[in-house]
Amino acid sequence: MAGLEIPLIIPLALGAGIVFLLVLAIGVSVGVTERATRAFWCPFRECSVSAEFEQAVWDGKRVDVASCSAFTPPTVVACDKACLRLRKLASKPKSQSVAVDHSDPWRRDRTSRWEP
């Protein structure tokens, strides 16, 4: 049965092909994204914007800004895309209320008078 010897190059080429296909399949499935449009208050530009995000299919994490209404044209996003790092996209700005010091609950307001 000397005529049935398989050259070593054939199993090596098949093995390399299988490894290549596995790496290709894993690499493609990890980077799957979808586009989602969100309207929110941009704390960096201080205005309401509508932005189209590339987000990961698996966990919904925003990975890129495809367009933003704060720029002209919207597809030329000329900022550092800090909105990608925000945990939540607020629909309106935080109200600018007066800060109240609650560090000492027993402290009375100095303008009020205690009268027995």
PDB file of N, CA and C in Angstrom:
ATOM      1  N   MET A   1       0.811  -1.174   0.000  1.00  0.00           N
ATOM      2  CA  MET A   1       0.000   0.000   0.000  1.00  0.00           C
ATOM      3  C   MET A   1       0.874   1.265   0.000  1.00  0.00           C
ATOM      4  N   ALA A   2       1.906   1.187  -0.704  1.00  0.00           N
ATOM      5  CA  ALA A   2       2.829   2.306  -0.789  1.00  0.00           C
ATOM      6  C   ALA A   2       2.249   3.428  -1.633  1.00  0.00           C
ATOM      7  N   GLY A   3       1.247   3.161  -2.482  1.00  0.00           N
ATOM      8  CA  GLY A   3       0.679   4.178  -3.352  1.00  0.00           C
ATOM      9  C   GLY A   3      -0.326   5.079  -2.661  1.00  0.00           C
ATOM     10  N   LEU A   4      -0.741   4.786  -1.406  1.00  0.00           N
ATOM     11  CA  LEU A   4      -1.758   5.578  -0.698  1.00  0.00           C
ATOM     12  C   LEU A   4      -1.154   6.564   0.309  1.00  0.00           C
ATOM     13  N   GLU A   5       0.107   6.814   0.214  1.00  0.00           N
ATOM     14  CA  GLU A   5       0.735   7.754   1.145  1.00  0.00           C
ATOM     15  C   GLU A   5       0.284   9.181   0.804  1.00  0.00           C
ATOM     16  N   ILE A   6      -0.123   9.916   1.822  1.00  0.00           N
ATOM     17  CA  ILE A   6      -0.589  11.288   1.639  1.00  0.00           C
ATOM     18  C   ILE A   6       0.576  12.225   1.977  1.00  0.00           C
ATOM     19  N   PRO A   7       0.866  13.142   1.078  1.00  0.00           N
ATOM     20  CA  PRO A   7       1.942  14.090   1.385  1.00  0.00           C
ATOM     21  C   PRO A   7       1.571  14.933   2.605  1.00  0.00           C
ATOM     22  N   LEU A   8       2.554  15.293   3.378  1.00  0.00           N
ATOM     23  CA  LEU A   8       2.363  16.043   4.616  1.00  0.00           C
ATOM     24  C   LEU A   8       1.717  17.409   4.364  1.00  0.00           C
ATOM     25  N   ILE A   9       1.906  17.979   3.225  1.00  0.00           N
ATOM     26  CA  ILE A   9       1.377  19.307   2.921  1.00  0.00           C
ATOM     27  C   ILE A   9      -0.149  19.339   2.885  1.00  0.00           C
ATOM     28  N   ILE A  10      -0.799  18.256   2.526  1.00  0.00           N
ATOM     29  CA  ILE A  10      -2.265  18.220   2.426  1.00  0.00           C
ATOM     30  C   ILE A  10      -2.923  18.350   3.800  1.00  0.00           C
ATOM     31  N   PRO A  11      -2.567  17.543   4.825  1.00  0.00           N
ATOM     32  CA  PRO A  11      -3.189  17.748   6.147  1.00  0.00           C
ATOM     33  C   PRO A  11      -2.850  19.107   6.753  1.00  0.00           C
ATOM     34  N   LEU A  12      -1.637  19.595   6.490  1.00  0.00           N
ATOM     35  CA  LEU A  12      -1.273  20.915   7.017  1.00  0.00           C
ATOM     36  C   LEU A  12      -2.108  22.015   6.359  1.00  0.00           C
ATOM     37  N   ALA A  13      -2.320  21.932   5.065  1.00  0.00           N
ATOM     38  CA  ALA A  13      -3.126  22.934   4.359  1.00  0.00           C
ATOM     39  C   ALA A  13      -4.585  22.868   4.824  1.00  0.00           C
ATOM     40  N   LEU A  14      -5.126  21.668   5.005  1.00  0.00           N
ATOM     41  CA  LEU A  14      -6.498  21.532   5.506  1.00  0.00           C
ATOM     42  C   LEU A  14      -6.635  22.102   6.918  1.00  0.00           C
ATOM     43  N   GLY A  15      -5.685  21.825   7.772  1.00  0.00           N
ATOM     44  CA  GLY A  15      -5.700  22.348   9.143  1.00  0.00           C
ATOM     45  C   GLY A  15      -5.613  23.866   9.159  1.00  0.00           C
ATOM     46  N   ALA A  16      -4.747  24.428   8.325  1.00  0.00           N
ATOM     47  CA  ALA A  16      -4.614  25.878   8.253  1.00  0.00           C
ATOM     48  C   ALA A  16      -5.903  26.513   7.727  1.00  0.00           C
ATOM     49  N   GLY A  17      -6.535  25.862   6.758  1.00  0.00           N
ATOM     50  CA  GLY A  17      -7.797  26.375   6.225  1.00  0.00           C
ATOM     51  C   GLY A  17      -8.897  26.379   7.275  1.00  0.00           C
ATOM     52  N   ILE A  18      -8.972  25.331   8.076  1.00  0.00           N
ATOM     53  CA  ILE A  18      -9.984  25.247   9.135  1.00  0.00           C
ATOM     54  C   ILE A  18      -9.740  26.328  10.187  1.00  0.00           C
ATOM     55  N   VAL A  19      -8.492  26.516  10.591  1.00  0.00           N
ATOM     56  CA  VAL A  19      -8.161  27.554  11.573  1.00  0.00           C
ATOM     57  C   VAL A  19      -8.508  28.934  11.016  1.00  0.00           C
ATOM     58  N   PHE A  20      -8.191  29.179   9.752  1.00  0.00           N
ATOM     59  CA  PHE A  20      -8.500  30.459   9.129  1.00  0.00           C
ATOM     60  C   PHE A  20     -10.004  30.713   9.134  1.00  0.00           C
ATOM     61  N   LEU A  21     -10.806  29.720   8.785  1.00  0.00           N
ATOM     62  CA  LEU A  21     -12.262  29.883   8.772  1.00  0.00           C
ATOM     63  C   LEU A  21     -12.823  30.135  10.164  1.00  0.00           C
ATOM     64  N   LEU A  22     -12.285  29.479  11.181  1.00  0.00           N
ATOM     65  CA  LEU A  22     -12.738  29.706  12.552  1.00  0.00           C
ATOM     66  C   LEU A  22     -12.414  31.119  13.019  1.00  0.00           C
ATOM     67  N   VAL A  23     -11.193  31.570  12.740  1.00  0.00           N
ATOM     68  CA  VAL A  23     -10.807  32.930  13.126  1.00  0.00           C
ATOM     69  C   VAL A  23     -11.675  33.952  12.398  1.00  0.00           C
ATOM     70  N   LEU A  24     -11.938  33.727  11.141  1.00  0.00           N
ATOM     71  CA  LEU A  24     -12.772  34.635  10.357  1.00  0.00           C
ATOM     72  C   LEU A  24     -14.199  34.680  10.909  1.00  0.00           C
ATOM     73  N   ALA A  25     -14.764  33.522  11.228  1.00  0.00           N
ATOM     74  CA  ALA A  25     -16.139  33.462  11.742  1.00  0.00           C
ATOM     75  C   ALA A  25     -16.253  34.135  13.104  1.00  0.00           C
ATOM     76  N   ILE A  26     -15.281  33.938  13.974  1.00  0.00           N
ATOM     77  CA  ILE A  26     -15.328  34.553  15.303  1.00  0.00           C
ATOM     78  C   ILE A  26     -15.133  36.061  15.189  1.00  0.00           C
ATOM     79  N   GLY A  27     -14.216  36.493  14.352  1.00  0.00           N
ATOM     80  CA  GLY A  27     -13.952  37.921  14.190  1.00  0.00           C
ATOM     81  C   GLY A  27     -15.133  38.674  13.622  1.00  0.00           C
ATOM     82  N   VAL A  28     -15.848  38.091  12.711  1.00  0.00           N
ATOM     83  CA  VAL A  28     -17.005  38.751  12.102  1.00  0.00           C
ATOM     84  C   VAL A  28     -18.157  38.834  13.091  1.00  0.00           C
ATOM     85  N   SER A  29     -18.389  37.802  13.876  1.00  0.00           N
ATOM     86  CA  SER A  29     -19.534  37.797  14.784  1.00  0.00           C
ATOM     87  C   SER A  29     -19.333  38.721  15.981  1.00  0.00           C
ATOM     88  N   VAL A  30     -18.094  38.980  16.386  1.00  0.00           N
ATOM     89  CA  VAL A  30     -17.850  39.839  17.541  1.00  0.00           C
ATOM     90  C   VAL A  30     -18.127  41.297  17.199  1.00  0.00           C
ATOM     91  N   GLY A  31     -17.810  41.736  16.000  1.00  0.00           N
ATOM     92  CA  GLY A  31     -17.951  43.138  15.640  1.00  0.00           C
ATOM     93  C   GLY A  31     -19.274  43.500  14.998  1.00  0.00           C
ATOM     94  N   VAL A  32     -20.333  42.752  15.230  1.00  0.00           N
ATOM     95  CA  VAL A  32     -21.622  43.031  14.618  1.00  0.00           C
ATOM     96  C   VAL A  32     -22.266  44.233  15.310  1.00  0.00           C
ATOM     97  N   THR A  33     -22.609  45.257  14.504  1.00  0.00           N
ATOM     98  CA  THR A  33     -23.240  46.457  15.056  1.00  0.00           C
ATOM     99  C   THR A  33     -24.534  46.751  14.306  1.00  0.00           C
ATOM    100  N   GLU A  34     -25.326  47.619  14.916  1.00  0.00           N
ATOM    101  CA  GLU A  34     -26.547  48.096  14.287  1.00  0.00           C
ATOM    102  C   GLU A  34     -26.638  49.595  14.520  1.00  0.00           C
ATOM    103  N   ARG A  35     -27.412  50.278  13.724  1.00  0.00           N
ATOM    104  CA  ARG A  35     -27.580  51.725  13.880  1.00  0.00           C
ATOM    105  C   ARG A  35     -28.847  52.015  14.655  1.00  0.00           C
ATOM    106  N   ALA A  36     -28.744  52.982  15.545  1.00  0.00           N
ATOM    107  CA  ALA A  36     -29.895  53.415  16.344  1.00  0.00           C
ATOM    108  C   ALA A  36     -29.858  54.929  16.474  1.00  0.00           C
ATOM    109  N   THR A  37     -30.997  55.572  16.287  1.00  0.00           N
ATOM    110  CA  THR A  37     -31.090  57.023  16.393  1.00  0.00           C
ATOM    111  C   THR A  37     -31.660  57.393  17.753  1.00  0.00           C
ATOM    112  N   ARG A  38     -31.019  58.335  18.415  1.00  0.00           N
ATOM    113  CA  ARG A  38     -31.452  58.787  19.733  1.00  0.00           C
ATOM    114  C   ARG A  38     -31.503  60.306  19.753  1.00  0.00           C
ATOM    115  N   ALA A  39     -32.542  60.861  20.365  1.00  0.00           N
ATOM    116  CA  ALA A  39     -32.642  62.301  20.600  1.00  0.00           C
ATOM    117  C   ALA A  39     -32.354  62.534  22.080  1.00  0.00           C
ATOM    118  N   PHE A  40     -31.446  63.464  22.380  1.00  0.00           N
ATOM    119  CA  PHE A  40     -31.053  63.690  23.763  1.00  0.00           C
ATOM    120  C   PHE A  40     -30.437  65.078  23.913  1.00  0.00           C
ATOM    121  N   TRP A  41     -30.226  65.482  25.171  1.00  0.00           N
ATOM    122  CA  TRP A  41     -29.568  66.740  25.488  1.00  0.00           C
ATOM    123  C   TRP A  41     -28.073  66.470  25.548  1.00  0.00           C
ATOM    124  N   CYS A  42     -27.328  67.182  24.703  1.00  0.00           N
ATOM    125  CA  CYS A  42     -25.873  67.017  24.690  1.00  0.00           C
ATOM    126  C   CYS A  42     -25.269  67.981  25.713  1.00  0.00           C
ATOM    127  N   PRO A  43     -24.688  67.463  26.803  1.00  0.00           N
ATOM    128  CA  PRO A  43     -24.117  68.351  27.815  1.00  0.00           C
ATOM    129  C   PRO A  43     -22.824  69.024  27.352  1.00  0.00           C
ATOM    130  N   PHE A  44     -22.242  68.554  26.278  1.00  0.00           N
ATOM    131  CA  PHE A  44     -20.980  69.106  25.787  1.00  0.00           C
ATOM    132  C   PHE A  44     -21.219  70.269  24.817  1.00  0.00           C
ATOM    133  N   ARG A  45     -22.240  70.161  23.972  1.00  0.00           N
ATOM    134  CA  ARG A  45     -22.602  71.245  23.051  1.00  0.00           C
ATOM    135  C   ARG A  45     -23.713  72.121  23.632  1.00  0.00           C
ATOM    136  N   GLU A  46     -24.302  71.679  24.741  1.00  0.00           N
ATOM    137  CA  GLU A  46     -25.377  72.377  25.447  1.00  0.00           C
ATOM    138  C   GLU A  46     -26.564  72.685  24.548  1.00  0.00           C
ATOM    139  N   CYS A  47     -27.051  71.637  23.867  1.00  0.00           N
ATOM    140  CA  CYS A  47     -28.240  71.775  23.031  1.00  0.00           C
ATOM    141  C   CYS A  47     -28.869  70.388  22.836  1.00  0.00           C
ATOM    142  N   SER A  48     -30.119  70.385  22.400  1.00  0.00           N
ATOM    143  CA  SER A  48     -30.787  69.127  22.077  1.00  0.00           C
ATOM    144  C   SER A  48     -30.303  68.664  20.710  1.00  0.00           C
ATOM    145  N   VAL A  49     -29.962  67.376  20.601  1.00  0.00           N
ATOM    146  CA  VAL A  49     -29.455  66.833  19.347  1.00  0.00           C
ATOM    147  C   VAL A  49     -30.162  65.519  19.032  1.00  0.00           C
ATOM    148  N   SER A  50     -30.052  65.129  17.783  1.00  0.00           N
ATOM    149  CA  SER A  50     -30.491  63.819  17.333  1.00  0.00           C
ATOM    150  C   SER A  50     -29.258  63.168  16.719  1.00  0.00           C
ATOM    151  N   ALA A  51     -28.845  62.046  17.272  1.00  0.00           N
ATOM    152  CA  ALA A  51     -27.617  61.392  16.815  1.00  0.00           C
ATOM    153  C   ALA A  51     -27.897  59.958  16.421  1.00  0.00           C
ATOM    154  N   GLU A  52     -27.176  59.509  15.408  1.00  0.00           N
ATOM    155  CA  GLU A  52     -27.278  58.125  14.967  1.00  0.00           C
ATOM    156  C   GLU A  52     -26.012  57.398  15.430  1.00  0.00           C
ATOM    157  N   PHE A  53     -26.216  56.381  16.270  1.00  0.00           N
ATOM    158  CA  PHE A  53     -25.108  55.644  16.861  1.00  0.00           C
ATOM    159  C   PHE A  53     -24.937  54.276  16.215  1.00  0.00           C
ATOM    160  N   GLU A  54     -23.700  53.822  16.127  1.00  0.00           N
ATOM    161  CA  GLU A  54     -23.398  52.418  15.851  1.00  0.00           C
ATOM    162  C   GLU A  54     -23.305  51.769  17.221  1.00  0.00           C
ATOM    163  N   GLN A  55     -24.111  50.746  17.455  1.00  0.00           N
ATOM    164  CA  GLN A  55     -24.056  50.079  18.751  1.00  0.00           C
ATOM    165  C   GLN A  55     -23.937  48.581  18.580  1.00  0.00           C
ATOM    166  N   ALA A  56     -23.255  47.955  19.529  1.00  0.00           N
ATOM    167  CA  ALA A  56     -23.036  46.514  19.488  1.00  0.00           C
ATOM    168  C   ALA A  56     -24.370  45.790  19.630  1.00  0.00           C
ATOM    169  N   VAL A  57     -24.559  44.759  18.821  1.00  0.00           N
ATOM    170  CA  VAL A  57     -25.808  43.994  18.849  1.00  0.00           C
ATOM    171  C   VAL A  57     -25.940  43.228  20.155  1.00  0.00           C
ATOM    172  N   TRP A  58     -24.834  42.734  20.670  1.00  0.00           N
ATOM    173  CA  TRP A  58     -24.889  41.838  21.834  1.00  0.00           C
ATOM    174  C   TRP A  58     -25.260  42.544  23.118  1.00  0.00           C
ATOM    175  N   ASP A  59     -24.679  43.727  23.381  1.00  0.00           N
ATOM    176  CA  ASP A  59     -24.935  44.387  24.659  1.00  0.00           C
ATOM    177  C   ASP A  59     -25.505  45.796  24.529  1.00  0.00           C
ATOM    178  N   GLY A  60     -25.684  46.313  23.310  1.00  0.00           N
ATOM    179  CA  GLY A  60     -26.253  47.633  23.106  1.00  0.00           C
ATOM    180  C   GLY A  60     -25.303  48.774  23.404  1.00  0.00           C
ATOM    181  N   LYS A  61     -24.037  48.493  23.636  1.00  0.00           N
ATOM    182  CA  LYS A  61     -23.056  49.538  23.937  1.00  0.00           C
ATOM    183  C   LYS A  61     -22.796  50.381  22.691  1.00  0.00           C
ATOM    184  N   ARG A  62     -22.834  51.706  22.872  1.00  0.00           N
ATOM    185  CA  ARG A  62     -22.559  52.605  21.756  1.00  0.00           C
ATOM    186  C   ARG A  62     -21.072  52.576  21.442  1.00  0.00           C
ATOM    187  N   VAL A  63     -20.717  52.362  20.161  1.00  0.00           N
ATOM    188  CA  VAL A  63     -19.310  52.260  19.776  1.00  0.00           C
ATOM    189  C   VAL A  63     -18.854  53.375  18.849  1.00  0.00           C
ATOM    190  N   ASP A  64     -19.780  54.071  18.173  1.00  0.00           N
ATOM    191  CA  ASP A  64     -19.400  55.159  17.286  1.00  0.00           C
ATOM    192  C   ASP A  64     -20.612  56.061  17.034  1.00  0.00           C
ATOM    193  N   VAL A  65     -20.330  57.312  16.661  1.00  0.00           N
ATOM    194  CA  VAL A  65     -21.377  58.260  16.286  1.00  0.00           C
ATOM    195  C   VAL A  65     -21.332  58.395  14.770  1.00  0.00           C
ATOM    196  N   ALA A  66     -22.377  57.952  14.087  1.00  0.00           N
ATOM    197  CA  ALA A  66     -22.430  58.018  12.626  1.00  0.00           C
ATOM    198  C   ALA A  66     -22.830  59.407  12.150  1.00  0.00           C
ATOM    199  N   SER A  67     -23.758  60.059  12.870  1.00  0.00           N
ATOM    200  CA  SER A  67     -24.177  61.412  12.514  1.00  0.00           C
ATOM    201  C   SER A  67     -24.747  62.095  13.752  1.00  0.00           C
ATOM    202  N   CYS A  68     -24.727  63.438  13.705  1.00  0.00           N
ATOM    203  CA  CYS A  68     -25.245  64.228  14.822  1.00  0.00           C
ATOM    204  C   CYS A  68     -25.775  65.545  14.281  1.00  0.00           C
ATOM    205  N   SER A  69     -26.965  65.928  14.748  1.00  0.00           N
ATOM    206  CA  SER A  69     -27.603  67.140  14.253  1.00  0.00           C
ATOM    207  C   SER A  69     -26.921  68.422  14.733  1.00  0.00           C
ATOM    208  N   ALA A  70     -25.959  68.325  15.623  1.00  0.00           N
ATOM    209  CA  ALA A  70     -25.245  69.507  16.100  1.00  0.00           C
ATOM    210  C   ALA A  70     -24.229  70.007  15.079  1.00  0.00           C
ATOM    211  N   PHE A  71     -23.975  69.228  14.041  1.00  0.00           N
ATOM    212  CA  PHE A  71     -22.964  69.583  13.053  1.00  0.00           C
ATOM    213  C   PHE A  71     -23.580  69.722  11.665  1.00  0.00           C
ATOM    214  N   THR A  72     -22.907  70.496  10.809  1.00  0.00           N
ATOM    215  CA  THR A  72     -23.344  70.660   9.420  1.00  0.00           C
ATOM    216  C   THR A  72     -22.193  70.294   8.509  1.00  0.00           C
ATOM    217  N   PRO A  73     -22.315  69.294   7.705  1.00  0.00           N
ATOM    218  CA  PRO A  73     -23.388  68.306   7.616  1.00  0.00           C
ATOM    219  C   PRO A  73     -23.341  67.354   8.810  1.00  0.00           C
ATOM    220  N   PRO A  74     -24.445  66.726   9.136  1.00  0.00           N
ATOM    221  CA  PRO A  74     -24.517  65.870  10.324  1.00  0.00           C
ATOM    222  C   PRO A  74     -23.554  64.681  10.311  1.00  0.00           C
ATOM    223  N   THR A  75     -23.134  64.250   9.138  1.00  0.00           N
ATOM    224  CA  THR A  75     -22.245  63.089   9.075  1.00  0.00           C
ATOM    225  C   THR A  75     -20.800  63.428   9.407  1.00  0.00           C
ATOM    226  N   VAL A  76     -20.471  64.721   9.456  1.00  0.00           N
ATOM    227  CA  VAL A  76     -19.114  65.141   9.817  1.00  0.00           C
ATOM    228  C   VAL A  76     -19.123  65.488  11.306  1.00  0.00           C
ATOM    229  N   VAL A  77     -18.954  64.485  12.144  1.00  0.00           N
ATOM    230  CA  VAL A  77     -18.987  64.665  13.594  1.00  0.00           C
ATOM    231  C   VAL A  77     -17.612  65.178  14.030  1.00  0.00           C
ATOM    232  N   ALA A  78     -17.543  66.464  14.359  1.00  0.00           N
ATOM    233  CA  ALA A  78     -16.267  67.121  14.644  1.00  0.00           C
ATOM    234  C   ALA A  78     -16.055  67.363  16.133  1.00  0.00           C
ATOM    235  N   CYS A  79     -16.241  66.339  16.919  1.00  0.00           N
ATOM    236  CA  CYS A  79     -15.981  66.442  18.358  1.00  0.00           C
ATOM    237  C   CYS A  79     -15.293  65.158  18.799  1.00  0.00           C
ATOM    238  N   ASP A  80     -15.008  65.050  20.089  1.00  0.00           N
ATOM    239  CA  ASP A  80     -14.327  63.845  20.573  1.00  0.00           C
ATOM    240  C   ASP A  80     -15.299  62.704  20.899  1.00  0.00           C
ATOM    241  N   LYS A  81     -16.568  62.882  20.567  1.00  0.00           N
ATOM    242  CA  LYS A  81     -17.614  61.861  20.749  1.00  0.00           C
ATOM    243  C   LYS A  81     -17.717  61.402  22.206  1.00  0.00           C
ATOM    244  N   ALA A  82     -17.696  62.367  23.105  1.00  0.00           N
ATOM    245  CA  ALA A  82     -17.784  62.066  24.536  1.00  0.00           C
ATOM    246  C   ALA A  82     -19.128  61.460  24.924  1.00  0.00           C
ATOM    247  N   CYS A  83     -20.147  61.630  24.080  1.00  0.00           N
ATOM    248  CA  CYS A  83     -21.459  61.039  24.377  1.00  0.00           C
ATOM    249  C   CYS A  83     -21.395  59.511  24.397  1.00  0.00           C
ATOM    250  N   LEU A  84     -20.380  58.941  23.786  1.00  0.00           N
ATOM    251  CA  LEU A  84     -20.222  57.483  23.826  1.00  0.00           C
ATOM    252  C   LEU A  84     -19.901  57.003  25.242  1.00  0.00           C
ATOM    253  N   ARG A  85     -19.331  57.877  26.054  1.00  0.00           N
ATOM    254  CA  ARG A  85     -18.946  57.501  27.414  1.00  0.00           C
ATOM    255  C   ARG A  85     -20.032  57.798  28.452  1.00  0.00           C
ATOM    256  N   LEU A  86     -21.127  58.460  28.028  1.00  0.00           N
ATOM    257  CA  LEU A  86     -22.215  58.743  28.961  1.00  0.00           C
ATOM    258  C   LEU A  86     -22.973  57.461  29.277  1.00  0.00           C
ATOM    259  N   ARG A  87     -23.320  57.277  30.530  1.00  0.00           N
ATOM    260  CA  ARG A  87     -24.099  56.091  30.902  1.00  0.00           C
ATOM    261  C   ARG A  87     -25.519  56.162  30.376  1.00  0.00           C
ATOM    262  N   LYS A  88     -26.105  57.359  30.483  1.00  0.00           N
ATOM    263  CA  LYS A  88     -27.498  57.541  30.075  1.00  0.00           C
ATOM    264  C   LYS A  88     -27.591  58.836  29.286  1.00  0.00           C
ATOM    265  N   LEU A  89     -28.388  58.819  28.252  1.00  0.00           N
ATOM    266  CA  LEU A  89     -28.598  60.011  27.436  1.00  0.00           C
ATOM    267  C   LEU A  89     -29.832  60.738  27.960  1.00  0.00           C
ATOM    268  N   ALA A  90     -29.622  61.910  28.559  1.00  0.00           N
ATOM    269  CA  ALA A  90     -30.716  62.672  29.167  1.00  0.00           C
ATOM    270  C   ALA A  90     -31.563  63.331  28.084  1.00  0.00           C
ATOM    271  N   SER A  91     -32.875  63.374  28.312  1.00  0.00           N
ATOM    272  CA  SER A  91     -33.769  63.979  27.327  1.00  0.00           C
ATOM    273  C   SER A  91     -33.837  65.502  27.450  1.00  0.00           C
ATOM    274  N   LYS A  92     -33.496  66.035  28.615  1.00  0.00           N
ATOM    275  CA  LYS A  92     -33.459  67.484  28.800  1.00  0.00           C
ATOM    276  C   LYS A  92     -32.376  67.829  29.809  1.00  0.00           C
ATOM    277  N   PRO A  93     -31.951  69.087  29.835  1.00  0.00           N
ATOM    278  CA  PRO A  93     -30.859  69.466  30.733  1.00  0.00           C
ATOM    279  C   PRO A  93     -31.268  69.387  32.188  1.00  0.00           C
ATOM    280  N   LYS A  94     -30.269  69.187  33.026  1.00  0.00           N
ATOM    281  CA  LYS A  94     -30.528  69.190  34.461  1.00  0.00           C
ATOM    282  C   LYS A  94     -30.903  70.603  34.879  1.00  0.00           C
ATOM    283  N   SER A  95     -31.891  70.705  35.762  1.00  0.00           N
ATOM    284  CA  SER A  95     -32.313  72.034  36.207  1.00  0.00           C
ATOM    285  C   SER A  95     -31.211  72.651  37.054  1.00  0.00           C
ATOM    286  N   GLN A  96     -31.069  73.924  36.919  1.00  0.00           N
ATOM    287  CA  GLN A  96     -30.046  74.627  37.671  1.00  0.00           C
ATOM    288  C   GLN A  96     -30.680  75.191  38.929  1.00  0.00           C
ATOM    289  N   SER A  97     -30.842  74.333  39.913  1.00  0.00           N
ATOM    290  CA  SER A  97     -31.455  74.763  41.158  1.00  0.00           C
ATOM    291  C   SER A  97     -30.369  75.206  42.138  1.00  0.00           C
ATOM    292  N   VAL A  98     -30.797  75.912  43.172  1.00  0.00           N
ATOM    293  CA  VAL A  98     -29.871  76.388  44.184  1.00  0.00           C
ATOM    294  C   VAL A  98     -29.412  75.205  45.013  1.00  0.00           C
ATOM    295  N   ALA A  99     -28.121  75.119  45.223  1.00  0.00           N
ATOM    296  CA  ALA A  99     -27.572  74.023  46.022  1.00  0.00           C
ATOM    297  C   ALA A  99     -27.924  74.234  47.491  1.00  0.00           C
ATOM    298  N   VAL A 100     -28.344  73.173  48.142  1.00  0.00           N
ATOM    299  CA  VAL A 100     -28.704  73.225  49.548  1.00  0.00           C
ATOM    300  C   VAL A 100     -27.737  72.349  50.315  1.00  0.00           C
ATOM    301  N   ASP A 101     -27.193  72.867  51.394  1.00  0.00           N
ATOM    302  CA  ASP A 101     -26.257  72.114  52.210  1.00  0.00           C
ATOM    303  C   ASP A 101     -27.044  71.301  53.233  1.00  0.00           C
ATOM    304  N   HIS A 102     -27.026  69.984  53.073  1.00  0.00           N
ATOM    305  CA  HIS A 102     -27.726  69.100  54.009  1.00  0.00           C
ATOM    306  C   HIS A 102     -26.737  68.362  54.897  1.00  0.00           C
ATOM    307  N   SER A 103     -25.533  68.874  55.036  1.00  0.00           N
ATOM    308  CA  SER A 103     -24.520  68.167  55.804  1.00  0.00           C
ATOM    309  C   SER A 103     -24.831  68.161  57.297  1.00  0.00           C
ATOM    310  N   ASP A 104     -25.466  69.213  57.821  1.00  0.00           N
ATOM    311  CA  ASP A 104     -25.813  69.273  59.238  1.00  0.00           C
ATOM    312  C   ASP A 104     -27.323  69.469  59.361  1.00  0.00           C
ATOM    313  N   PRO A 105     -28.058  68.386  59.603  1.00  0.00           N
ATOM    314  CA  PRO A 105     -29.524  68.507  59.657  1.00  0.00           C
ATOM    315  C   PRO A 105     -30.033  69.306  60.853  1.00  0.00           C
ATOM    316  N   TRP A 106     -29.193  69.523  61.888  1.00  0.00           N
ATOM    317  CA  TRP A 106     -29.631  70.240  63.080  1.00  0.00           C
ATOM    318  C   TRP A 106     -29.395  71.737  62.968  1.00  0.00           C
ATOM    319  N   ARG A 107     -28.716  72.145  61.933  1.00  0.00           N
ATOM    320  CA  ARG A 107     -28.428  73.562  61.754  1.00  0.00           C
ATOM    321  C   ARG A 107     -29.681  74.283  61.260  1.00  0.00           C
ATOM    322  N   ARG A 108     -30.043  75.353  61.932  1.00  0.00           N
ATOM    323  CA  ARG A 108     -31.210  76.127  61.549  1.00  0.00           C
ATOM    324  C   ARG A 108     -30.819  77.187  60.540  1.00  0.00           C
ATOM    325  N   ASP A 109     -31.774  77.588  59.768  1.00  0.00           N
ATOM    326  CA  ASP A 109     -31.575  78.694  58.837  1.00  0.00           C
ATOM    327  C   ASP A 109     -31.335  79.965  59.638  1.00  0.00           C
ATOM    328  N   ARG A 110     -30.316  80.732  59.289  1.00  0.00           N
ATOM    329  CA  ARG A 110     -29.951  81.915  60.055  1.00  0.00           C
ATOM    330  C   ARG A 110     -30.946  83.052  59.867  1.00  0.00           C
ATOM    331  N   THR A 111     -31.739  82.991  58.854  1.00  0.00           N
ATOM    332  CA  THR A 111     -32.700  84.075  58.642  1.00  0.00           C
ATOM    333  C   THR A 111     -33.963  83.897  59.477  1.00  0.00           C
ATOM    334  N   SER A 112     -34.222  82.682  59.898  1.00  0.00           N
ATOM    335  CA  SER A 112     -35.424  82.466  60.704  1.00  0.00           C
ATOM    336  C   SER A 112     -35.102  82.659  62.185  1.00  0.00           C
ATOM    337  N   ARG A 113     -36.102  83.064  62.925  1.00  0.00           N
ATOM    338  CA  ARG A 113     -35.905  83.288  64.362  1.00  0.00           C
ATOM    339  C   ARG A 113     -36.730  82.273  65.117  1.00  0.00           C
ATOM    340  N   TRP A 114     -36.134  81.802  66.153  1.00  0.00           N
ATOM    341  CA  TRP A 114     -36.817  80.846  67.018  1.00  0.00           C
ATOM    342  C   TRP A 114     -37.510  81.632  68.117  1.00  0.00           C
ATOM    343  N   GLU A 115     -38.788  81.577  68.140  1.00  0.00           N
ATOM    344  CA  GLU A 115     -39.525  82.282  69.171  1.00  0.00           C
ATOM    345  C   GLU A 115     -40.372  81.272  69.931  1.00  0.00           C
ATOM    346  N   PRO A 116     -40.182  81.265  71.241  1.00  0.00           N
ATOM    347  CA  PRO A 116     -40.979  80.298  72.038  1.00  0.00           C
ATOM    348  C   PRO A 116     -42.437  80.668  72.169  1.00  0.00           C
TER     349      PRO A 116
END
